[in-house]
């Protein structure tokens, strides 16, 4: 089992910044992919950003140029969110994938106010 601990959500005004962190522990493996998904009320969960073990990144178009995903070590990833918009409001979930296994964090609320 892999446990994911998220931190860094909260309330911020539009145009502000937040940084989310996710640390994986337990039976972690090299070669994992980590990322952040989000889900707004009434919406489906969507991929925001992901990073492979090699450091290759992928972003949803709506956050390109504003969000940055990076690893601080093999099992810790952060999401730097700048120029936040009202539509970024959602619960953000950390994801850890290795092989056919997927693990999810408990979610952290990000609320952007006007």
PDB file of N, CA and C in Angstrom:
ATOM      1  N   UNK A   1       0.836  -1.195   0.000  1.00  0.00           N
ATOM      2  CA  UNK A   1       0.000   0.000   0.000  1.00  0.00           C
ATOM      3  C   UNK A   1       0.870   1.243   0.000  1.00  0.00           C
ATOM      4  N   UNK A   2       0.361   2.262  -0.632  1.00  0.00           N
ATOM      5  CA  UNK A   2       1.012   3.566  -0.674  1.00  0.00           C
ATOM      6  C   UNK A   2       0.072   4.565  -0.025  1.00  0.00           C
ATOM      7  N   UNK A   3       0.605   5.354   0.870  1.00  0.00           N
ATOM      8  CA  UNK A   3      -0.179   6.417   1.500  1.00  0.00           C
ATOM      9  C   UNK A   3       0.280   7.765   0.942  1.00  0.00           C
ATOM     10  N   UNK A   4      -0.683   8.613   0.682  1.00  0.00           N
ATOM     11  CA  UNK A   4      -0.401   9.940   0.153  1.00  0.00           C
ATOM     12  C   UNK A   4      -0.903  10.977   1.145  1.00  0.00           C
ATOM     13  N   UNK A   5      -0.044  11.907   1.490  1.00  0.00           N
ATOM     14  CA  UNK A   5      -0.410  12.987   2.399  1.00  0.00           C
ATOM     15  C   UNK A   5      -0.277  14.299   1.642  1.00  0.00           C
ATOM     16  N   UNK A   6      -1.386  15.014   1.544  1.00  0.00           N
ATOM     17  CA  UNK A   6      -1.435  16.278   0.818  1.00  0.00           C
ATOM     18  C   UNK A   6      -1.448  17.445   1.799  1.00  0.00           C
ATOM     19  N   UNK A   7      -0.948  18.563   1.337  1.00  0.00           N
ATOM     20  CA  UNK A   7      -1.005  19.777   2.138  1.00  0.00           C
ATOM     21  C   UNK A   7      -0.976  20.987   1.221  1.00  0.00           C
ATOM     22  N   UNK A   8      -1.402  22.124   1.745  1.00  0.00           N
ATOM     23  CA  UNK A   8      -1.238  23.388   1.031  1.00  0.00           C
ATOM     24  C   UNK A   8      -2.488  24.002   0.446  1.00  0.00           C
ATOM     25  N   UNK A   9      -3.618  23.369   0.556  1.00  0.00           N
ATOM     26  CA  UNK A   9      -4.832  23.985   0.025  1.00  0.00           C
ATOM     27  C   UNK A   9      -5.272  25.156   0.894  1.00  0.00           C
ATOM     28  N   UNK A  10      -6.308  25.843   0.445  1.00  0.00           N
ATOM     29  CA  UNK A  10      -6.829  26.950   1.227  1.00  0.00           C
ATOM     30  C   UNK A  10      -7.601  27.936   0.391  1.00  0.00           C
ATOM     31  N   UNK A  11      -7.791  29.115   0.959  1.00  0.00           N
ATOM     32  CA  UNK A  11      -8.541  30.194   0.328  1.00  0.00           C
ATOM     33  C   UNK A  11      -7.580  31.274  -0.137  1.00  0.00           C
ATOM     34  N   UNK A  12      -7.749  31.706  -1.369  1.00  0.00           N
ATOM     35  CA  UNK A  12      -6.867  32.730  -1.926  1.00  0.00           C
ATOM     36  C   UNK A  12      -7.679  33.618  -2.855  1.00  0.00           C
ATOM     37  N   UNK A  13      -7.275  34.852  -2.980  1.00  0.00           N
ATOM     38  CA  UNK A  13      -7.947  35.747  -3.911  1.00  0.00           C
ATOM     39  C   UNK A  13      -7.483  35.481  -5.333  1.00  0.00           C
ATOM     40  N   UNK A  14      -8.338  35.819  -6.265  1.00  0.00           N
ATOM     41  CA  UNK A  14      -7.970  35.665  -7.670  1.00  0.00           C
ATOM     42  C   UNK A  14      -6.685  36.431  -7.961  1.00  0.00           C
ATOM     43  N   UNK A  15      -5.812  35.781  -8.713  1.00  0.00           N
ATOM     44  CA  UNK A  15      -4.518  36.366  -9.008  1.00  0.00           C
ATOM     45  C   UNK A  15      -3.427  35.945  -8.049  1.00  0.00           C
ATOM     46  N   UNK A  16      -3.813  35.321  -6.967  1.00  0.00           N
ATOM     47  CA  UNK A  16      -2.861  34.885  -5.962  1.00  0.00           C
ATOM     48  C   UNK A  16      -2.239  33.544  -6.284  1.00  0.00           C
ATOM     49  N   UNK A  17      -1.484  33.030  -5.318  1.00  0.00           N
ATOM     50  CA  UNK A  17      -0.735  31.786  -5.506  1.00  0.00           C
ATOM     51  C   UNK A  17      -0.953  30.848  -4.332  1.00  0.00           C
ATOM     52  N   UNK A  18      -0.856  29.575  -4.631  1.00  0.00           N
ATOM     53  CA  UNK A  18      -0.851  28.527  -3.626  1.00  0.00           C
ATOM     54  C   UNK A  18       0.107  27.444  -4.082  1.00  0.00           C
ATOM     55  N   UNK A  19       0.606  26.705  -3.115  1.00  0.00           N
ATOM     56  CA  UNK A  19       1.484  25.580  -3.439  1.00  0.00           C
ATOM     57  C   UNK A  19       0.947  24.349  -2.723  1.00  0.00           C
ATOM     58  N   UNK A  20       0.655  23.317  -3.501  1.00  0.00           N
ATOM     59  CA  UNK A  20       0.206  22.039  -2.952  1.00  0.00           C
ATOM     60  C   UNK A  20       1.385  21.074  -2.913  1.00  0.00           C
ATOM     61  N   UNK A  21       1.445  20.285  -1.864  1.00  0.00           N
ATOM     62  CA  UNK A  21       2.480  19.262  -1.753  1.00  0.00           C
ATOM     63  C   UNK A  21       1.849  17.909  -1.503  1.00  0.00           C
ATOM     64  N   UNK A  22       2.526  16.878  -1.961  1.00  0.00           N
ATOM     65  CA  UNK A  22       2.047  15.511  -1.768  1.00  0.00           C
ATOM     66  C   UNK A  22       3.246  14.618  -1.514  1.00  0.00           C
ATOM     67  N   UNK A  23       3.201  13.904  -0.408  1.00  0.00           N
ATOM     68  CA  UNK A  23       4.273  12.983  -0.063  1.00  0.00           C
ATOM     69  C   UNK A  23       3.739  11.567  -0.028  1.00  0.00           C
ATOM     70  N   UNK A  24       4.415  10.687  -0.725  1.00  0.00           N
ATOM     71  CA  UNK A  24       4.037   9.277  -0.755  1.00  0.00           C
ATOM     72  C   UNK A  24       4.915   8.490   0.201  1.00  0.00           C
ATOM     73  N   UNK A  25       4.306   7.554   0.900  1.00  0.00           N
ATOM     74  CA  UNK A  25       5.056   6.686   1.811  1.00  0.00           C
ATOM     75  C   UNK A  25       4.473   5.289   1.730  1.00  0.00           C
ATOM     76  N   UNK A  26       5.166   4.354   2.375  1.00  0.00           N
ATOM     77  CA  UNK A  26       4.722   2.969   2.333  1.00  0.00           C
ATOM     78  C   UNK A  26       5.494   2.207   1.271  1.00  0.00           C
ATOM     79  N   UNK A  27       4.806   1.377   0.513  1.00  0.00           N
ATOM     80  CA  UNK A  27       5.461   0.554  -0.497  1.00  0.00           C
ATOM     81  C   UNK A  27       5.619   1.339  -1.800  1.00  0.00           C
ATOM     82  N   UNK A  28       6.485   2.316  -1.736  1.00  0.00           N
ATOM     83  CA  UNK A  28       6.717   3.130  -2.927  1.00  0.00           C
ATOM     84  C   UNK A  28       7.733   2.467  -3.845  1.00  0.00           C
ATOM     85  N   UNK A  29       7.677   2.831  -5.104  1.00  0.00           N
ATOM     86  CA  UNK A  29       8.540   2.228  -6.105  1.00  0.00           C
ATOM     87  C   UNK A  29       9.152   3.317  -6.970  1.00  0.00           C
ATOM     88  N   UNK A  30      10.352   3.061  -7.449  1.00  0.00           N
ATOM     89  CA  UNK A  30      10.895   3.928  -8.483  1.00  0.00           C
ATOM     90  C   UNK A  30      10.106   3.690  -9.760  1.00  0.00           C
ATOM     91  N   UNK A  31      10.130   4.670 -10.626  1.00  0.00           N
ATOM     92  CA  UNK A  31       9.392   4.531 -11.872  1.00  0.00           C
ATOM     93  C   UNK A  31       7.935   4.921 -11.737  1.00  0.00           C
ATOM     94  N   UNK A  32       7.577   5.578 -10.647  1.00  0.00           N
ATOM     95  CA  UNK A  32       6.186   5.985 -10.469  1.00  0.00           C
ATOM     96  C   UNK A  32       5.889   7.268 -11.213  1.00  0.00           C
ATOM     97  N   UNK A  33       4.633   7.461 -11.502  1.00  0.00           N
ATOM     98  CA  UNK A  33       4.127   8.717 -12.029  1.00  0.00           C
ATOM     99  C   UNK A  33       3.288   9.365 -10.939  1.00  0.00           C
ATOM    100  N   UNK A  34       3.434  10.654 -10.789  1.00  0.00           N
ATOM    101  CA  UNK A  34       2.623  11.367  -9.808  1.00  0.00           C
ATOM    102  C   UNK A  34       1.948  12.552 -10.481  1.00  0.00           C
ATOM    103  N   UNK A  35       0.857  12.971  -9.889  1.00  0.00           N
ATOM    104  CA  UNK A  35       0.152  14.084 -10.496  1.00  0.00           C
ATOM    105  C   UNK A  35      -0.936  14.633  -9.602  1.00  0.00           C
ATOM    106  N   UNK A  36      -1.597  15.633 -10.109  1.00  0.00           N
ATOM    107  CA  UNK A  36      -2.702  16.271  -9.412  1.00  0.00           C
ATOM    108  C   UNK A  36      -3.926  16.284 -10.318  1.00  0.00           C
ATOM    109  N   UNK A  37      -5.039  15.873  -9.749  1.00  0.00           N
ATOM    110  CA  UNK A  37      -6.333  15.965 -10.394  1.00  0.00           C
ATOM    111  C   UNK A  37      -7.181  16.933  -9.574  1.00  0.00           C
ATOM    112  N   UNK A  38      -8.244  17.415 -10.172  1.00  0.00           N
ATOM    113  CA  UNK A  38      -9.168  18.261  -9.425  1.00  0.00           C
ATOM    114  C   UNK A  38     -10.598  17.944  -9.824  1.00  0.00           C
ATOM    115  N   UNK A  39     -11.481  18.240  -8.890  1.00  0.00           N
ATOM    116  CA  UNK A  39     -12.898  18.010  -9.142  1.00  0.00           C
ATOM    117  C   UNK A  39     -13.693  19.145  -8.535  1.00  0.00           C
ATOM    118  N   UNK A  40     -14.393  19.874  -9.383  1.00  0.00           N
ATOM    119  CA  UNK A  40     -15.271  20.941  -8.944  1.00  0.00           C
ATOM    120  C   UNK A  40     -16.671  20.369  -8.753  1.00  0.00           C
ATOM    121  N   UNK A  41     -17.503  21.025  -7.960  1.00  0.00           N
ATOM    122  CA  UNK A  41     -18.875  20.521  -7.735  1.00  0.00           C
ATOM    123  C   UNK A  41     -19.628  20.336  -9.047  1.00  0.00           C
ATOM    124  N   UNK A  42     -20.205  19.167  -9.210  1.00  0.00           N
ATOM    125  CA  UNK A  42     -20.984  18.883 -10.404  1.00  0.00           C
ATOM    126  C   UNK A  42     -20.166  18.563 -11.629  1.00  0.00           C
ATOM    127  N   UNK A  43     -18.844  18.510 -11.471  1.00  0.00           N
ATOM    128  CA  UNK A  43     -17.968  18.250 -12.603  1.00  0.00           C
ATOM    129  C   UNK A  43     -17.244  16.923 -12.423  1.00  0.00           C
ATOM    130  N   UNK A  44     -16.717  16.421 -13.530  1.00  0.00           N
ATOM    131  CA  UNK A  44     -15.913  15.209 -13.441  1.00  0.00           C
ATOM    132  C   UNK A  44     -14.497  15.561 -12.992  1.00  0.00           C
ATOM    133  N   UNK A  45     -13.850  14.570 -12.418  1.00  0.00           N
ATOM    134  CA  UNK A  45     -12.469  14.775 -12.021  1.00  0.00           C
ATOM    135  C   UNK A  45     -11.605  14.888 -13.274  1.00  0.00           C
ATOM    136  N   UNK A  46     -10.705  15.871 -13.270  1.00  0.00           N
ATOM    137  CA  UNK A  46      -9.847  16.059 -14.424  1.00  0.00           C
ATOM    138  C   UNK A  46      -8.383  16.127 -14.014  1.00  0.00           C
ATOM    139  N   UNK A  47      -7.529  15.685 -14.930  1.00  0.00           N
ATOM    140  CA  UNK A  47      -6.096  15.786 -14.706  1.00  0.00           C
ATOM    141  C   UNK A  47      -5.674  17.240 -14.827  1.00  0.00           C
ATOM    142  N   UNK A  48      -4.934  17.716 -13.848  1.00  0.00           N
ATOM    143  CA  UNK A  48      -4.394  19.070 -13.886  1.00  0.00           C
ATOM    144  C   UNK A  48      -2.955  19.043 -14.392  1.00  0.00           C
ATOM    145  N   UNK A  49      -2.137  18.208 -13.762  1.00  0.00           N
ATOM    146  CA  UNK A  49      -0.730  18.121 -14.140  1.00  0.00           C
ATOM    147  C   UNK A  49      -0.185  16.791 -13.667  1.00  0.00           C
ATOM    148  N   UNK A  50       0.794  16.275 -14.401  1.00  0.00           N
ATOM    149  CA  UNK A  50       1.428  15.032 -14.008  1.00  0.00           C
ATOM    150  C   UNK A  50       2.910  15.109 -14.308  1.00  0.00           C
ATOM    151  N   UNK A  51       3.657  14.235 -13.635  1.00  0.00           N
ATOM    152  CA  UNK A  51       5.105  14.182 -13.850  1.00  0.00           C
ATOM    153  C   UNK A  51       5.547  12.737 -13.751  1.00  0.00           C
ATOM    154  N   UNK A  52       6.365  12.329 -14.705  1.00  0.00           N
ATOM    155  CA  UNK A  52       6.880  10.961 -14.697  1.00  0.00           C
ATOM    156  C   UNK A  52       8.119  10.887 -13.808  1.00  0.00           C
ATOM    157  N   UNK A  53       8.614   9.664 -13.630  1.00  0.00           N
ATOM    158  CA  UNK A  53       9.822   9.477 -12.841  1.00  0.00           C
ATOM    159  C   UNK A  53      11.032  10.120 -13.514  1.00  0.00           C
ATOM    160  N   UNK A  54      10.935  10.318 -14.828  1.00  0.00           N
ATOM    161  CA  UNK A  54      12.040  10.957 -15.544  1.00  0.00           C
ATOM    162  C   UNK A  54      11.935  12.477 -15.516  1.00  0.00           C
ATOM    163  N   UNK A  55      10.809  12.966 -15.020  1.00  0.00           N
ATOM    164  CA  UNK A  55      10.626  14.407 -14.960  1.00  0.00           C
ATOM    165  C   UNK A  55       9.827  14.996 -16.106  1.00  0.00           C
ATOM    166  N   UNK A  56       9.307  14.174 -16.978  1.00  0.00           N
ATOM    167  CA  UNK A  56       8.454  14.663 -18.053  1.00  0.00           C
ATOM    168  C   UNK A  56       7.125  15.129 -17.460  1.00  0.00           C
ATOM    169  N   UNK A  57       6.670  16.273 -17.889  1.00  0.00           N
ATOM    170  CA  UNK A  57       5.454  16.856 -17.333  1.00  0.00           C
ATOM    171  C   UNK A  57       4.361  16.998 -18.377  1.00  0.00           C
ATOM    172  N   UNK A  58       3.144  17.062 -17.887  1.00  0.00           N
ATOM    173  CA  UNK A  58       1.979  17.233 -18.742  1.00  0.00           C
ATOM    174  C   UNK A  58       0.975  18.102 -17.991  1.00  0.00           C
ATOM    175  N   UNK A  59       0.339  19.034 -18.704  1.00  0.00           N
ATOM    176  CA  UNK A  59      -0.610  19.958 -18.074  1.00  0.00           C
ATOM    177  C   UNK A  59      -1.889  20.034 -18.898  1.00  0.00           C
ATOM    178  N   UNK A  60      -2.984  20.227 -18.217  1.00  0.00           N
ATOM    179  CA  UNK A  60      -4.216  20.545 -18.927  1.00  0.00           C
ATOM    180  C   UNK A  60      -4.064  21.959 -19.490  1.00  0.00           C
ATOM    181  N   UNK A  61      -4.650  22.204 -20.635  1.00  0.00           N
ATOM    182  CA  UNK A  61      -4.443  23.485 -21.321  1.00  0.00           C
ATOM    183  C   UNK A  61      -4.786  24.688 -20.441  1.00  0.00           C
ATOM    184  N   UNK A  62      -5.804  24.557 -19.625  1.00  0.00           N
ATOM    185  CA  UNK A  62      -6.287  25.711 -18.857  1.00  0.00           C
ATOM    186  C   UNK A  62      -5.301  26.200 -17.796  1.00  0.00           C
ATOM    187  N   UNK A  63      -4.283  25.398 -17.473  1.00  0.00           N
ATOM    188  CA  UNK A  63      -3.331  25.819 -16.435  1.00  0.00           C
ATOM    189  C   UNK A  63      -1.931  26.050 -16.986  1.00  0.00           C
ATOM    190  N   UNK A  64      -1.728  25.788 -18.249  1.00  0.00           N
ATOM    191  CA  UNK A  64      -0.394  25.972 -18.834  1.00  0.00           C
ATOM    192  C   UNK A  64       0.057  27.417 -18.685  1.00  0.00           C
ATOM    193  N   UNK A  65       1.293  27.576 -18.246  1.00  0.00           N
ATOM    194  CA  UNK A  65       1.835  28.908 -18.029  1.00  0.00           C
ATOM    195  C   UNK A  65       1.536  29.473 -16.657  1.00  0.00           C
ATOM    196  N   UNK A  66       0.645  28.824 -15.919  1.00  0.00           N
ATOM    197  CA  UNK A  66       0.307  29.314 -14.572  1.00  0.00           C
ATOM    198  C   UNK A  66       0.715  28.325 -13.479  1.00  0.00           C
ATOM    199  N   UNK A  67       0.592  27.044 -13.767  1.00  0.00           N
ATOM    200  CA  UNK A  67       0.901  26.003 -12.787  1.00  0.00           C
ATOM    201  C   UNK A  67       2.209  25.306 -13.164  1.00  0.00           C
ATOM    202  N   UNK A  68       2.931  24.870 -12.136  1.00  0.00           N
ATOM    203  CA  UNK A  68       4.158  24.106 -12.348  1.00  0.00           C
ATOM    204  C   UNK A  68       4.160  22.911 -11.412  1.00  0.00           C
ATOM    205  N   UNK A  69       4.410  21.740 -11.971  1.00  0.00           N
ATOM    206  CA  UNK A  69       4.543  20.536 -11.164  1.00  0.00           C
ATOM    207  C   UNK A  69       6.007  20.126 -11.157  1.00  0.00           C
ATOM    208  N   UNK A  70       6.473  19.693  -9.992  1.00  0.00           N
ATOM    209  CA  UNK A  70       7.873  19.273  -9.888  1.00  0.00           C
ATOM    210  C   UNK A  70       8.004  18.314  -8.718  1.00  0.00           C
ATOM    211  N   UNK A  71       9.098  17.578  -8.744  1.00  0.00           N
ATOM    212  CA  UNK A  71       9.397  16.663  -7.643  1.00  0.00           C
ATOM    213  C   UNK A  71      10.477  17.270  -6.759  1.00  0.00           C
ATOM    214  N   UNK A  72      10.331  17.084  -5.464  1.00  0.00           N
ATOM    215  CA  UNK A  72      11.415  17.436  -4.549  1.00  0.00           C
ATOM    216  C   UNK A  72      12.264  16.201  -4.249  1.00  0.00           C
ATOM    217  N   UNK A  73      11.696  15.036  -4.408  1.00  0.00           N
ATOM    218  CA  UNK A  73      12.436  13.781  -4.364  1.00  0.00           C
ATOM    219  C   UNK A  73      11.595  12.729  -5.085  1.00  0.00           C
ATOM    220  N   UNK A  74      12.019  11.498  -5.052  1.00  0.00           N
ATOM    221  CA  UNK A  74      11.348  10.462  -5.837  1.00  0.00           C
ATOM    222  C   UNK A  74       9.892  10.261  -5.437  1.00  0.00           C
ATOM    223  N   UNK A  75       9.540  10.613  -4.202  1.00  0.00           N
ATOM    224  CA  UNK A  75       8.198  10.323  -3.724  1.00  0.00           C
ATOM    225  C   UNK A  75       7.452  11.553  -3.213  1.00  0.00           C
ATOM    226  N   UNK A  76       7.927  12.712  -3.540  1.00  0.00           N
ATOM    227  CA  UNK A  76       7.259  13.944  -3.138  1.00  0.00           C
ATOM    228  C   UNK A  76       7.129  14.859  -4.342  1.00  0.00           C
ATOM    229  N   UNK A  77       5.928  15.370  -4.520  1.00  0.00           N
ATOM    230  CA  UNK A  77       5.668  16.250  -5.647  1.00  0.00           C
ATOM    231  C   UNK A  77       4.931  17.489  -5.147  1.00  0.00           C
ATOM    232  N   UNK A  78       5.163  18.602  -5.793  1.00  0.00           N
ATOM    233  CA  UNK A  78       4.407  19.793  -5.449  1.00  0.00           C
ATOM    234  C   UNK A  78       3.806  20.404  -6.705  1.00  0.00           C
ATOM    235  N   UNK A  79       2.778  21.183  -6.500  1.00  0.00           N
ATOM    236  CA  UNK A  79       2.122  21.904  -7.588  1.00  0.00           C
ATOM    237  C   UNK A  79       2.095  23.380  -7.207  1.00  0.00           C
ATOM    238  N   UNK A  80       2.884  24.157  -7.893  1.00  0.00           N
ATOM    239  CA  UNK A  80       2.899  25.598  -7.685  1.00  0.00           C
ATOM    240  C   UNK A  80       1.835  26.216  -8.581  1.00  0.00           C
ATOM    241  N   UNK A  81       0.889  26.905  -7.967  1.00  0.00           N
ATOM    242  CA  UNK A  81      -0.234  27.475  -8.710  1.00  0.00           C
ATOM    243  C   UNK A  81      -0.174  28.996  -8.601  1.00  0.00           C
ATOM    244  N   UNK A  82       0.047  29.637  -9.707  1.00  0.00           N
ATOM    245  CA  UNK A  82       0.116  31.099  -9.762  1.00  0.00           C
ATOM    246  C   UNK A  82      -1.034  31.645 -10.598  1.00  0.00           C
ATOM    247  N   UNK A  83      -1.281  32.928 -10.446  1.00  0.00           N
ATOM    248  CA  UNK A  83      -2.336  33.595 -11.219  1.00  0.00           C
ATOM    249  C   UNK A  83      -3.641  32.825 -11.143  1.00  0.00           C
ATOM    250  N   UNK A  84      -4.017  32.460  -9.942  1.00  0.00           N
ATOM    251  CA  UNK A  84      -5.205  31.630  -9.763  1.00  0.00           C
ATOM    252  C   UNK A  84      -6.463  32.356 -10.212  1.00  0.00           C
ATOM    253  N   UNK A  85      -7.372  31.572 -10.782  1.00  0.00           N
ATOM    254  CA  UNK A  85      -8.638  32.090 -11.290  1.00  0.00           C
ATOM    255  C   UNK A  85      -9.798  31.462 -10.531  1.00  0.00           C
ATOM    256  N   UNK A  86     -10.945  32.097 -10.617  1.00  0.00           N
ATOM    257  CA  UNK A  86     -12.123  31.565  -9.939  1.00  0.00           C
ATOM    258  C   UNK A  86     -12.388  30.123 -10.369  1.00  0.00           C
ATOM    259  N   UNK A  87     -12.167  29.840 -11.637  1.00  0.00           N
ATOM    260  CA  UNK A  87     -12.467  28.505 -12.152  1.00  0.00           C
ATOM    261  C   UNK A  87     -11.467  27.439 -11.702  1.00  0.00           C
ATOM    262  N   UNK A  88     -10.440  27.827 -10.976  1.00  0.00           N
ATOM    263  CA  UNK A  88      -9.520  26.848 -10.403  1.00  0.00           C
ATOM    264  C   UNK A  88     -10.051  26.274  -9.091  1.00  0.00           C
ATOM    265  N   UNK A  89     -11.140  26.834  -8.603  1.00  0.00           N
ATOM    266  CA  UNK A  89     -11.731  26.340  -7.369  1.00  0.00           C
ATOM    267  C   UNK A  89     -12.180  24.889  -7.530  1.00  0.00           C
ATOM    268  N   UNK A  90     -11.694  24.030  -6.644  1.00  0.00           N
ATOM    269  CA  UNK A  90     -11.996  22.597  -6.728  1.00  0.00           C
ATOM    270  C   UNK A  90     -11.323  21.891  -5.549  1.00  0.00           C
ATOM    271  N   UNK A  91     -11.653  20.622  -5.413  1.00  0.00           N
ATOM    272  CA  UNK A  91     -10.880  19.758  -4.534  1.00  0.00           C
ATOM    273  C   UNK A  91      -9.770  19.143  -5.383  1.00  0.00           C
ATOM    274  N   UNK A  92      -8.557  19.265  -4.904  1.00  0.00           N
ATOM    275  CA  UNK A  92      -7.400  18.770  -5.634  1.00  0.00           C
ATOM    276  C   UNK A  92      -6.933  17.465  -4.989  1.00  0.00           C
ATOM    277  N   UNK A  93      -6.705  16.469  -5.840  1.00  0.00           N
ATOM    278  CA  UNK A  93      -6.317  15.139  -5.377  1.00  0.00           C
ATOM    279  C   UNK A  93      -4.939  14.772  -5.925  1.00  0.00           C
ATOM    280  N   UNK A  94      -4.107  14.300  -5.047  1.00  0.00           N
ATOM    281  CA  UNK A  94      -2.813  13.779  -5.475  1.00  0.00           C
ATOM    282  C   UNK A  94      -2.998  12.352  -5.982  1.00  0.00           C
ATOM    283  N   UNK A  95      -2.299  12.050  -7.040  1.00  0.00           N
ATOM    284  CA  UNK A  95      -2.354  10.713  -7.622  1.00  0.00           C
ATOM    285  C   UNK A  95      -0.957  10.128  -7.720  1.00  0.00           C
ATOM    286  N   UNK A  96      -0.863   8.850  -7.424  1.00  0.00           N
ATOM    287  CA  UNK A  96       0.400   8.095  -7.518  1.00  0.00           C
ATOM    288  C   UNK A  96       0.102   6.833  -8.308  1.00  0.00           C
ATOM    289  N   UNK A  97       0.840   6.645  -9.389  1.00  0.00           N
ATOM    290  CA  UNK A  97       0.619   5.475 -10.214  1.00  0.00           C
ATOM    291  C   UNK A  97       1.912   4.748 -10.506  1.00  0.00           C
ATOM    292  N   UNK A  98       1.860   3.431 -10.406  1.00  0.00           N
ATOM    293  CA  UNK A  98       3.016   2.615 -10.765  1.00  0.00           C
ATOM    294  C   UNK A  98       2.488   1.303 -11.306  1.00  0.00           C
ATOM    295  N   UNK A  99       2.905   0.949 -12.508  1.00  0.00           N
ATOM    296  CA  UNK A  99       2.339  -0.227 -13.148  1.00  0.00           C
ATOM    297  C   UNK A  99       0.840  -0.054 -13.305  1.00  0.00           C
ATOM    298  N   UNK A 100       0.089  -1.050 -12.868  1.00  0.00           N
ATOM    299  CA  UNK A 100      -1.371  -0.990 -12.958  1.00  0.00           C
ATOM    300  C   UNK A 100      -2.011  -0.498 -11.660  1.00  0.00           C
ATOM    301  N   UNK A 101      -1.197  -0.046 -10.736  1.00  0.00           N
ATOM    302  CA  UNK A 101      -1.690   0.401  -9.443  1.00  0.00           C
ATOM    303  C   UNK A 101      -1.876   1.908  -9.423  1.00  0.00           C
ATOM    304  N   UNK A 102      -2.992   2.321  -8.826  1.00  0.00           N
ATOM    305  CA  UNK A 102      -3.297   3.739  -8.652  1.00  0.00           C
ATOM    306  C   UNK A 102      -3.659   4.017  -7.202  1.00  0.00           C
ATOM    307  N   UNK A 103      -3.113   5.095  -6.688  1.00  0.00           N
ATOM    308  CA  UNK A 103      -3.412   5.502  -5.319  1.00  0.00           C
ATOM    309  C   UNK A 103      -3.800   6.988  -5.335  1.00  0.00           C
ATOM    310  N   UNK A 104      -4.685   7.324  -4.394  1.00  0.00           N
ATOM    311  CA  UNK A 104      -5.208   8.694  -4.339  1.00  0.00           C
ATOM    312  C   UNK A 104      -5.076   9.277  -2.939  1.00  0.00           C
ATOM    313  N   UNK A 105      -4.816  10.563  -2.899  1.00  0.00           N
ATOM    314  CA  UNK A 105      -4.859  11.260  -1.634  1.00  0.00           C
ATOM    315  C   UNK A 105      -6.297  11.559  -1.234  1.00  0.00           C
ATOM    316  N   UNK A 106      -6.456  12.135  -0.052  1.00  0.00           N
ATOM    317  CA  UNK A 106      -7.792  12.395   0.470  1.00  0.00           C
ATOM    318  C   UNK A 106      -8.414  13.650  -0.130  1.00  0.00           C
ATOM    319  N   UNK A 107      -7.609  14.454  -0.778  1.00  0.00           N
ATOM    320  CA  UNK A 107      -8.108  15.675  -1.392  1.00  0.00           C
ATOM    321  C   UNK A 107      -7.893  16.884  -0.504  1.00  0.00           C
ATOM    322  N   UNK A 108      -7.599  18.002  -1.141  1.00  0.00           N
ATOM    323  CA  UNK A 108      -7.429  19.259  -0.419  1.00  0.00           C
ATOM    324  C   UNK A 108      -8.195  20.352  -1.178  1.00  0.00           C
ATOM    325  N   UNK A 109      -8.926  21.146  -0.430  1.00  0.00           N
ATOM    326  CA  UNK A 109      -9.786  22.155  -1.048  1.00  0.00           C
ATOM    327  C   UNK A 109      -8.979  23.392  -1.427  1.00  0.00           C
ATOM    328  N   UNK A 110      -9.171  23.834  -2.653  1.00  0.00           N
ATOM    329  CA  UNK A 110      -8.629  25.110  -3.120  1.00  0.00           C
ATOM    330  C   UNK A 110      -9.811  25.984  -3.508  1.00  0.00           C
ATOM    331  N   UNK A 111      -9.912  27.126  -2.877  1.00  0.00           N
ATOM    332  CA  UNK A 111     -10.992  28.060  -3.166  1.00  0.00           C
ATOM    333  C   UNK A 111     -10.407  29.403  -3.566  1.00  0.00           C
ATOM    334  N   UNK A 112     -10.779  29.860  -4.742  1.00  0.00           N
ATOM    335  CA  UNK A 112     -10.314  31.139  -5.254  1.00  0.00           C
ATOM    336  C   UNK A 112     -11.487  32.113  -5.209  1.00  0.00           C
ATOM    337  N   UNK A 113     -11.297  33.225  -4.531  1.00  0.00           N
ATOM    338  CA  UNK A 113     -12.368  34.202  -4.370  1.00  0.00           C
ATOM    339  C   UNK A 113     -12.093  35.455  -5.193  1.00  0.00           C
ATOM    340  N   UNK A 114     -13.141  36.179  -5.494  1.00  0.00           N
ATOM    341  CA  UNK A 114     -12.999  37.413  -6.292  1.00  0.00           C
ATOM    342  C   UNK A 114     -12.711  38.613  -5.414  1.00  0.00           C
TER     343      UNK A 114
END
